[in-house]
Amino acid sequence: MKQCEQYRVKGRVQGVFFRASTRDQAQRLGLRGYVRNLPGGDVEVVAWGEREDLHKLAAWLWKGPPSARVTDVASEPLQGHDEFEDFVVR
């Protein structure tokens, strides 16, 4: 079953290749959506795809790339968003 999730990742997640690494991981999982930096230092991820793949992405977000230090990952479901064609960095 496909669904859409929005994640907010906190910690040292900007300036550590978090967005590019997230894009690569999401593409490997076959997800669509985007990742972007937010003012204040957090990263937002919106991903659409199979529930199991979203769970795998969420688990990866807790780790991130080697130089990241994730302190929290909050998520909430979003309606729709099946219009994404790929997973991109914004």
C-alpha atoms as a PDB file:
ATOM      1  CA  MET A   1       0.000   0.000   0.000  1.00  0.00           C
ATOM      2  CA  LYS A   2       1.437   3.354  -1.032  1.00  0.00           C
ATOM      3  CA  GLN A   3       1.333   6.363   1.224  1.00  0.00           C
ATOM      4  CA  CYS A   4       3.079   9.671   1.849  1.00  0.00           C
ATOM      5  CA  GLU A   5       5.025  10.657   4.965  1.00  0.00           C
ATOM      6  CA  GLN A   6       6.590  13.912   6.059  1.00  0.00           C
ATOM      7  CA  TYR A   7       9.662  13.713   8.298  1.00  0.00           C
ATOM      8  CA  ARG A   8      11.391  16.455  10.264  1.00  0.00           C
ATOM      9  CA  VAL A   9      14.948  15.535  11.163  1.00  0.00           C
ATOM     10  CA  LYS A  10      16.742  17.386  13.967  1.00  0.00           C
ATOM     11  CA  GLY A  11      20.353  17.491  15.077  1.00  0.00           C
ATOM     12  CA  ARG A  12      23.499  18.207  13.106  1.00  0.00           C
ATOM     13  CA  VAL A  13      21.905  17.562   9.734  1.00  0.00           C
ATOM     14  CA  GLN A  14      22.868  20.563   7.619  1.00  0.00           C
ATOM     15  CA  GLY A  15      26.283  20.899   6.018  1.00  0.00           C
ATOM     16  CA  VAL A  16      26.984  17.154   6.359  1.00  0.00           C
ATOM     17  CA  PHE A  17      25.653  15.880   2.986  1.00  0.00           C
ATOM     18  CA  PHE A  18      22.386  14.838   4.626  1.00  0.00           C
ATOM     19  CA  ARG A  19      20.182  15.927   1.711  1.00  0.00           C
ATOM     20  CA  ALA A  20      22.250  14.218  -0.989  1.00  0.00           C
ATOM     21  CA  SER A  21      22.573  11.054   1.085  1.00  0.00           C
ATOM     22  CA  THR A  22      18.825  11.037   1.775  1.00  0.00           C
ATOM     23  CA  ARG A  23      18.092  11.420  -1.943  1.00  0.00           C
ATOM     24  CA  ASP A  24      20.395   8.504  -2.753  1.00  0.00           C
ATOM     25  CA  GLN A  25      18.809   6.292  -0.088  1.00  0.00           C
ATOM     26  CA  ALA A  26      15.254   7.205  -1.150  1.00  0.00           C
ATOM     27  CA  GLN A  27      16.045   6.503  -4.794  1.00  0.00           C
ATOM     28  CA  ARG A  28      17.516   3.097  -3.866  1.00  0.00           C
ATOM     29  CA  LEU A  29      14.226   2.331  -2.097  1.00  0.00           C
ATOM     30  CA  GLY A  30      12.147   3.464  -5.094  1.00  0.00           C
ATOM     31  CA  LEU A  31      10.567   6.381  -3.236  1.00  0.00           C
ATOM     32  CA  ARG A  32       9.502   9.696  -4.722  1.00  0.00           C
ATOM     33  CA  GLY A  33       9.406  13.116  -3.092  1.00  0.00           C
ATOM     34  CA  TYR A  34      11.971  15.627  -1.840  1.00  0.00           C
ATOM     35  CA  VAL A  35      14.367  16.627   0.908  1.00  0.00           C
ATOM     36  CA  ARG A  36      15.185  20.215   1.865  1.00  0.00           C
ATOM     37  CA  ASN A  37      16.873  22.274   4.555  1.00  0.00           C
ATOM     38  CA  LEU A  38      14.621  24.285   6.842  1.00  0.00           C
ATOM     39  CA  PRO A  39      15.424  27.570   8.551  1.00  0.00           C
ATOM     40  CA  GLY A  40      16.688  26.804  12.023  1.00  0.00           C
ATOM     41  CA  GLY A  41      18.815  23.815  11.058  1.00  0.00           C
ATOM     42  CA  ASP A  42      16.297  20.983  10.595  1.00  0.00           C
ATOM     43  CA  VAL A  43      15.765  18.939   7.428  1.00  0.00           C
ATOM     44  CA  GLU A  44      12.345  18.145   5.942  1.00  0.00           C
ATOM     45  CA  VAL A  45      11.749  14.958   3.983  1.00  0.00           C
ATOM     46  CA  VAL A  46       8.528  14.213   2.106  1.00  0.00           C
ATOM     47  CA  ALA A  47       8.464  10.703   0.698  1.00  0.00           C
ATOM     48  CA  TRP A  48       5.815   8.743  -1.226  1.00  0.00           C
ATOM     49  CA  GLY A  49       5.911   5.006  -1.805  1.00  0.00           C
ATOM     50  CA  GLU A  50       5.312   1.600  -0.271  1.00  0.00           C
ATOM     51  CA  ARG A  51       4.838   1.580   3.500  1.00  0.00           C
ATOM     52  CA  GLU A  52       7.666  -0.918   4.033  1.00  0.00           C
ATOM     53  CA  ASP A  53      10.088   1.284   2.075  1.00  0.00           C
ATOM     54  CA  LEU A  54       9.018   4.340   4.073  1.00  0.00           C
ATOM     55  CA  HIS A  55       9.830   2.440   7.283  1.00  0.00           C
ATOM     56  CA  LYS A  56      13.275   1.632   5.884  1.00  0.00           C
ATOM     57  CA  LEU A  57      13.839   5.294   5.027  1.00  0.00           C
ATOM     58  CA  ALA A  58      12.728   6.380   8.514  1.00  0.00           C
ATOM     59  CA  ALA A  59      15.206   3.954  10.090  1.00  0.00           C
ATOM     60  CA  TRP A  60      17.958   5.325   7.851  1.00  0.00           C
ATOM     61  CA  LEU A  61      17.039   8.935   8.750  1.00  0.00           C
ATOM     62  CA  TRP A  62      17.885   8.169  12.390  1.00  0.00           C
ATOM     63  CA  LYS A  63      21.457   7.395  11.252  1.00  0.00           C
ATOM     64  CA  GLY A  64      22.007   9.630   8.243  1.00  0.00           C
ATOM     65  CA  PRO A  65      25.436   9.983   6.650  1.00  0.00           C
ATOM     66  CA  PRO A  66      28.539   9.389   8.809  1.00  0.00           C
ATOM     67  CA  SER A  67      29.108  13.036   9.826  1.00  0.00           C
ATOM     68  CA  ALA A  68      25.463  13.686  10.803  1.00  0.00           C
ATOM     69  CA  ARG A  69      24.281  13.536  14.413  1.00  0.00           C
ATOM     70  CA  VAL A  70      20.521  12.962  14.440  1.00  0.00           C
ATOM     71  CA  THR A  71      18.720  13.743  17.699  1.00  0.00           C
ATOM     72  CA  ASP A  72      15.087  13.338  16.594  1.00  0.00           C
ATOM     73  CA  VAL A  73      12.963  12.233  13.653  1.00  0.00           C
ATOM     74  CA  ALA A  74       9.290  13.211  13.768  1.00  0.00           C
ATOM     75  CA  SER A  75       6.865  11.949  11.147  1.00  0.00           C
ATOM     76  CA  GLU A  76       3.299  12.452  10.103  1.00  0.00           C
ATOM     77  CA  PRO A  77       1.254  11.075   7.230  1.00  0.00           C
ATOM     78  CA  LEU A  78       0.272  13.355   4.351  1.00  0.00           C
ATOM     79  CA  GLN A  79      -2.644  12.919   2.001  1.00  0.00           C
ATOM     80  CA  GLY A  80      -2.051  12.537  -1.724  1.00  0.00           C
ATOM     81  CA  HIS A  81       1.315  13.600  -3.096  1.00  0.00           C
ATOM     82  CA  ASP A  82       1.442  10.845  -5.711  1.00  0.00           C
ATOM     83  CA  GLU A  83       2.386  13.504  -8.274  1.00  0.00           C
ATOM     84  CA  PHE A  84       6.111  13.224  -7.519  1.00  0.00           C
ATOM     85  CA  GLU A  85       8.105  11.851 -10.453  1.00  0.00           C
ATOM     86  CA  ASP A  86      11.410  11.288  -8.659  1.00  0.00           C
ATOM     87  CA  PHE A  87      13.144  12.026  -5.367  1.00  0.00           C
ATOM     88  CA  VAL A  88      14.991  15.360  -5.467  1.00  0.00           C
ATOM     89  CA  VAL A  89      16.938  17.778  -3.321  1.00  0.00           C
ATOM     90  CA  ARG A  90      15.264  21.166  -3.018  1.00  0.00           C
END
